[in-house]
């Protein structure tokens, strides 16, 4: 569905190092309303760390750290115990099968 995908944010860790945080399966519009640059503290449970290398047209290589959160519920805001699970994208598919309660 429109507006439901993954998003990335440029972040700074507690040591001042830059990294990119990618959050998957989220409602991007609602998520961005929760984030305030230079104010919001994010805590990621079960982070998936990786290094991204990009070769530029002049031959130089740009490298940066990346952190993936595979679900918004793995990201907490400002140590308040609130997480981004309410910003998870809703499934937009159907199997065509009726579900009955037994």
N, C-alpha and C. Protein backbone atom coordinates (compact mmCIF):
# COMPACT_ATOMS: atom_id res chain seq x y z
N UNK A 1 0.81 -1.19 0.00
CA UNK A 1 0.00 0.00 0.00
C UNK A 1 0.86 1.26 0.00
N UNK A 2 0.30 2.34 -0.47
CA UNK A 2 1.03 3.59 -0.54
C UNK A 2 1.47 4.05 0.84
N UNK A 3 2.73 4.51 0.95
CA UNK A 3 3.25 5.01 2.21
C UNK A 3 3.72 3.93 3.17
N UNK A 4 3.58 2.67 2.78
CA UNK A 4 3.99 1.58 3.66
C UNK A 4 5.13 0.83 3.00
N UNK A 5 6.30 0.99 3.57
CA UNK A 5 7.48 0.39 2.98
C UNK A 5 8.58 0.36 4.02
N UNK A 6 9.77 0.63 3.57
CA UNK A 6 10.88 0.80 4.51
C UNK A 6 11.36 2.24 4.39
N UNK A 7 12.04 2.69 5.41
CA UNK A 7 12.59 4.04 5.38
C UNK A 7 13.95 4.02 6.04
N UNK A 8 14.74 5.01 5.74
CA UNK A 8 16.07 5.13 6.32
C UNK A 8 16.23 6.51 6.93
N UNK A 9 16.99 6.56 8.01
CA UNK A 9 17.26 7.84 8.68
C UNK A 9 18.75 7.92 8.99
N UNK A 10 19.31 9.09 8.78
CA UNK A 10 20.70 9.33 9.15
C UNK A 10 20.74 9.59 10.64
N UNK A 11 21.57 8.84 11.36
CA UNK A 11 21.62 8.91 12.82
C UNK A 11 23.05 9.10 13.31
N UNK A 12 23.17 9.43 14.57
CA UNK A 12 24.47 9.56 15.23
C UNK A 12 24.43 8.70 16.49
N UNK A 13 25.48 7.89 16.69
CA UNK A 13 25.50 7.09 17.91
C UNK A 13 26.06 7.91 19.07
N UNK A 14 26.12 7.33 20.26
CA UNK A 14 26.53 8.09 21.44
C UNK A 14 27.98 8.56 21.37
N UNK A 15 28.78 7.97 20.46
CA UNK A 15 30.17 8.40 20.29
C UNK A 15 30.31 9.45 19.19
N UNK A 16 29.22 9.81 18.55
CA UNK A 16 29.25 10.83 17.49
C UNK A 16 29.49 10.29 16.10
N UNK A 17 29.47 8.97 15.94
CA UNK A 17 29.67 8.37 14.61
C UNK A 17 28.35 8.30 13.86
N UNK A 18 28.40 8.63 12.58
CA UNK A 18 27.20 8.58 11.74
C UNK A 18 26.90 7.15 11.31
N UNK A 19 25.62 6.83 11.19
CA UNK A 19 25.18 5.57 10.61
C UNK A 19 23.79 5.77 10.04
N UNK A 20 23.39 4.84 9.21
CA UNK A 20 22.05 4.89 8.61
C UNK A 20 21.21 3.80 9.27
N UNK A 21 20.05 4.20 9.79
CA UNK A 21 19.10 3.25 10.37
C UNK A 21 18.00 2.99 9.35
N UNK A 22 17.81 1.74 8.98
CA UNK A 22 16.73 1.36 8.07
C UNK A 22 15.68 0.59 8.86
N UNK A 23 14.45 1.04 8.76
CA UNK A 23 13.33 0.38 9.45
C UNK A 23 12.42 -0.18 8.37
N UNK A 24 12.16 -1.48 8.45
CA UNK A 24 11.38 -2.16 7.43
C UNK A 24 9.93 -2.36 7.88
N UNK A 25 9.05 -2.50 6.92
CA UNK A 25 7.63 -2.82 7.15
C UNK A 25 6.95 -1.78 8.03
N UNK A 26 7.15 -0.50 7.70
CA UNK A 26 6.57 0.54 8.53
C UNK A 26 5.70 1.50 7.71
N UNK A 27 4.87 2.20 8.41
CA UNK A 27 4.06 3.27 7.83
C UNK A 27 4.94 4.51 7.88
N UNK A 28 5.55 4.85 6.75
CA UNK A 28 6.57 5.89 6.71
C UNK A 28 6.04 7.25 7.18
N UNK A 29 4.86 7.61 6.74
CA UNK A 29 4.30 8.93 7.09
C UNK A 29 4.12 9.07 8.60
N UNK A 30 3.54 8.06 9.24
CA UNK A 30 3.34 8.12 10.69
C UNK A 30 4.65 8.04 11.46
N UNK A 31 5.58 7.26 10.94
CA UNK A 31 6.87 7.13 11.61
C UNK A 31 7.61 8.47 11.61
N UNK A 32 7.64 9.16 10.49
CA UNK A 32 8.38 10.41 10.42
C UNK A 32 7.78 11.48 11.33
N UNK A 33 6.50 11.39 11.64
CA UNK A 33 5.89 12.33 12.58
C UNK A 33 6.44 12.16 14.00
N UNK A 34 6.93 10.97 14.32
CA UNK A 34 7.43 10.67 15.67
C UNK A 34 8.89 11.09 15.86
N UNK A 35 9.60 11.37 14.78
CA UNK A 35 11.02 11.65 14.87
C UNK A 35 11.30 13.14 14.80
N UNK A 36 12.09 13.64 15.75
CA UNK A 36 12.51 15.04 15.76
C UNK A 36 14.03 15.07 15.63
N UNK A 37 14.55 15.66 14.56
CA UNK A 37 16.01 15.70 14.37
C UNK A 37 16.73 16.29 15.59
N UNK A 38 17.80 15.63 15.96
CA UNK A 38 18.67 16.02 17.08
C UNK A 38 17.99 15.97 18.45
N UNK A 39 16.78 15.41 18.52
CA UNK A 39 16.07 15.31 19.80
C UNK A 39 15.66 13.88 20.14
N UNK A 40 15.21 13.13 19.15
CA UNK A 40 14.69 11.79 19.41
C UNK A 40 15.82 10.80 19.64
N UNK A 41 15.75 10.07 20.76
CA UNK A 41 16.68 8.99 21.03
C UNK A 41 16.02 7.69 20.59
N UNK A 42 16.74 6.91 19.82
CA UNK A 42 16.22 5.62 19.34
C UNK A 42 17.05 4.49 19.93
N UNK A 43 16.37 3.43 20.33
CA UNK A 43 17.02 2.24 20.85
C UNK A 43 16.53 1.07 20.01
N UNK A 44 17.48 0.32 19.43
CA UNK A 44 17.13 -0.77 18.52
C UNK A 44 17.46 -2.10 19.19
N UNK A 45 16.43 -2.95 19.36
CA UNK A 45 16.64 -4.31 19.85
C UNK A 45 16.94 -5.20 18.65
N UNK A 46 17.82 -6.14 18.82
CA UNK A 46 18.20 -7.09 17.77
C UNK A 46 18.62 -6.37 16.49
N UNK A 47 19.55 -5.41 16.59
CA UNK A 47 19.97 -4.70 15.37
C UNK A 47 20.75 -5.62 14.45
N UNK A 48 20.62 -5.38 13.17
CA UNK A 48 21.38 -6.09 12.14
C UNK A 48 22.39 -5.09 11.59
N UNK A 49 23.67 -5.25 11.96
CA UNK A 49 24.71 -4.32 11.55
C UNK A 49 25.30 -4.72 10.21
N UNK A 50 25.66 -3.73 9.40
CA UNK A 50 26.35 -4.00 8.15
C UNK A 50 27.12 -2.75 7.72
N UNK A 51 28.07 -2.93 6.83
CA UNK A 51 28.85 -1.83 6.29
C UNK A 51 28.47 -1.67 4.82
N UNK A 52 28.21 -0.44 4.42
CA UNK A 52 27.83 -0.16 3.04
C UNK A 52 29.00 0.55 2.37
N UNK A 53 29.40 0.06 1.19
CA UNK A 53 30.46 0.68 0.40
C UNK A 53 29.89 1.08 -0.93
N UNK A 54 30.16 2.33 -1.33
CA UNK A 54 29.68 2.85 -2.60
C UNK A 54 30.88 3.44 -3.34
N UNK A 55 31.10 2.97 -4.56
CA UNK A 55 32.17 3.55 -5.36
C UNK A 55 31.62 4.75 -6.12
N UNK A 56 32.25 5.90 -5.94
CA UNK A 56 31.82 7.13 -6.58
C UNK A 56 32.40 7.23 -7.98
N UNK A 57 31.87 8.14 -8.76
CA UNK A 57 32.30 8.27 -10.16
C UNK A 57 33.77 8.64 -10.30
N UNK A 58 34.35 9.27 -9.29
CA UNK A 58 35.77 9.64 -9.36
C UNK A 58 36.68 8.49 -8.90
N UNK A 59 36.07 7.33 -8.59
CA UNK A 59 36.85 6.16 -8.19
C UNK A 59 37.02 6.02 -6.69
N UNK A 60 36.72 7.06 -5.95
CA UNK A 60 36.85 6.96 -4.49
C UNK A 60 35.70 6.12 -3.93
N UNK A 61 35.91 5.60 -2.75
CA UNK A 61 34.93 4.73 -2.11
C UNK A 61 34.40 5.41 -0.85
N UNK A 62 33.09 5.45 -0.73
CA UNK A 62 32.43 5.99 0.45
C UNK A 62 31.90 4.80 1.25
N UNK A 63 32.26 4.73 2.52
CA UNK A 63 31.78 3.65 3.38
C UNK A 63 31.07 4.24 4.58
N UNK A 64 29.98 3.59 4.97
CA UNK A 64 29.27 4.01 6.17
C UNK A 64 28.62 2.81 6.83
N UNK A 65 28.36 2.96 8.11
CA UNK A 65 27.74 1.88 8.87
C UNK A 65 26.23 1.93 8.67
N UNK A 66 25.64 0.76 8.68
CA UNK A 66 24.19 0.66 8.58
C UNK A 66 23.65 -0.25 9.66
N UNK A 67 22.45 0.07 10.12
CA UNK A 67 21.75 -0.75 11.11
C UNK A 67 20.36 -0.99 10.57
N UNK A 68 19.94 -2.25 10.52
CA UNK A 68 18.60 -2.58 10.05
C UNK A 68 17.75 -3.04 11.22
N UNK A 69 16.52 -2.54 11.26
CA UNK A 69 15.50 -3.03 12.20
C UNK A 69 14.44 -3.67 11.32
N UNK A 70 14.27 -4.97 11.45
CA UNK A 70 13.38 -5.69 10.55
C UNK A 70 11.91 -5.50 10.86
N UNK A 71 11.60 -4.83 11.97
CA UNK A 71 10.20 -4.52 12.31
C UNK A 71 10.20 -3.28 13.19
N UNK A 72 9.25 -2.38 13.01
CA UNK A 72 9.20 -1.17 13.82
C UNK A 72 9.12 -1.43 15.32
N UNK A 73 8.57 -2.56 15.74
CA UNK A 73 8.45 -2.86 17.17
C UNK A 73 9.82 -3.06 17.82
N UNK A 74 10.87 -3.22 17.02
CA UNK A 74 12.22 -3.39 17.56
C UNK A 74 12.89 -2.06 17.85
N UNK A 75 12.22 -0.96 17.55
CA UNK A 75 12.78 0.38 17.77
C UNK A 75 11.98 1.08 18.85
N UNK A 76 12.67 1.50 19.91
CA UNK A 76 12.03 2.23 21.01
C UNK A 76 12.43 3.70 20.95
N UNK A 77 11.51 4.55 21.42
CA UNK A 77 11.74 5.99 21.41
C UNK A 77 12.04 6.51 22.81
N UNK A 78 13.10 7.28 22.96
CA UNK A 78 13.38 8.09 24.16
C UNK A 78 13.31 7.34 25.48
N UNK A 79 13.62 6.08 25.51
CA UNK A 79 13.65 5.26 26.73
C UNK A 79 12.33 5.26 27.48
N UNK A 80 11.25 5.58 26.82
CA UNK A 80 9.96 5.63 27.51
C UNK A 80 9.23 4.29 27.47
N UNK A 81 9.87 3.32 26.86
CA UNK A 81 9.22 2.03 26.74
C UNK A 81 8.28 1.97 25.56
N UNK A 82 8.01 3.11 24.93
CA UNK A 82 7.15 3.07 23.75
C UNK A 82 7.99 2.63 22.56
N UNK A 83 7.40 1.86 21.70
CA UNK A 83 8.11 1.40 20.51
C UNK A 83 7.30 1.77 19.29
N UNK A 84 7.88 1.53 18.14
CA UNK A 84 7.26 1.93 16.88
C UNK A 84 6.36 0.85 16.30
N UNK A 85 5.99 -0.14 17.09
CA UNK A 85 5.15 -1.23 16.59
C UNK A 85 3.83 -0.76 16.03
N UNK A 86 3.31 0.35 16.56
CA UNK A 86 2.04 0.87 16.04
C UNK A 86 2.19 1.46 14.65
N UNK A 87 3.44 1.60 14.19
CA UNK A 87 3.70 2.13 12.86
C UNK A 87 4.01 1.03 11.86
N UNK A 88 3.71 -0.20 12.23
CA UNK A 88 3.94 -1.31 11.32
C UNK A 88 2.98 -1.21 10.14
N UNK A 89 3.46 -1.60 8.99
CA UNK A 89 2.62 -1.60 7.79
C UNK A 89 1.61 -2.73 7.90
N UNK A 90 0.42 -2.47 7.40
CA UNK A 90 -0.60 -3.52 7.41
C UNK A 90 -0.48 -4.36 6.15
N UNK A 91 -0.79 -5.62 6.28
CA UNK A 91 -0.74 -6.51 5.12
C UNK A 91 -1.86 -6.15 4.16
N UNK A 92 -1.55 -6.17 2.89
CA UNK A 92 -2.55 -5.80 1.88
C UNK A 92 -2.65 -6.93 0.86
N UNK A 93 -3.02 -8.11 1.34
CA UNK A 93 -3.20 -9.23 0.44
C UNK A 93 -4.29 -10.13 0.98
N UNK A 94 -4.76 -11.01 0.14
CA UNK A 94 -5.79 -11.94 0.55
C UNK A 94 -5.50 -13.28 -0.09
N UNK A 95 -5.77 -14.35 0.67
CA UNK A 95 -5.60 -15.68 0.11
C UNK A 95 -6.84 -16.13 -0.62
N UNK A 96 -7.94 -15.38 -0.47
CA UNK A 96 -9.19 -15.77 -1.10
C UNK A 96 -9.96 -16.79 -0.29
N UNK A 97 -9.39 -17.22 0.84
CA UNK A 97 -10.02 -18.22 1.68
C UNK A 97 -10.72 -17.55 2.85
N UNK A 98 -11.91 -17.96 3.14
CA UNK A 98 -12.63 -17.46 4.30
C UNK A 98 -12.06 -18.10 5.54
N UNK A 99 -11.97 -17.34 6.62
CA UNK A 99 -11.47 -17.86 7.89
C UNK A 99 -12.66 -17.96 8.83
N UNK A 100 -12.82 -19.13 9.41
CA UNK A 100 -13.92 -19.30 10.34
C UNK A 100 -13.38 -19.60 11.73
N UNK A 101 -14.06 -19.10 12.72
CA UNK A 101 -13.68 -19.38 14.11
C UNK A 101 -14.21 -20.74 14.50
N UNK A 102 -13.38 -21.57 15.12
CA UNK A 102 -13.86 -22.88 15.53
C UNK A 102 -14.00 -22.96 17.01
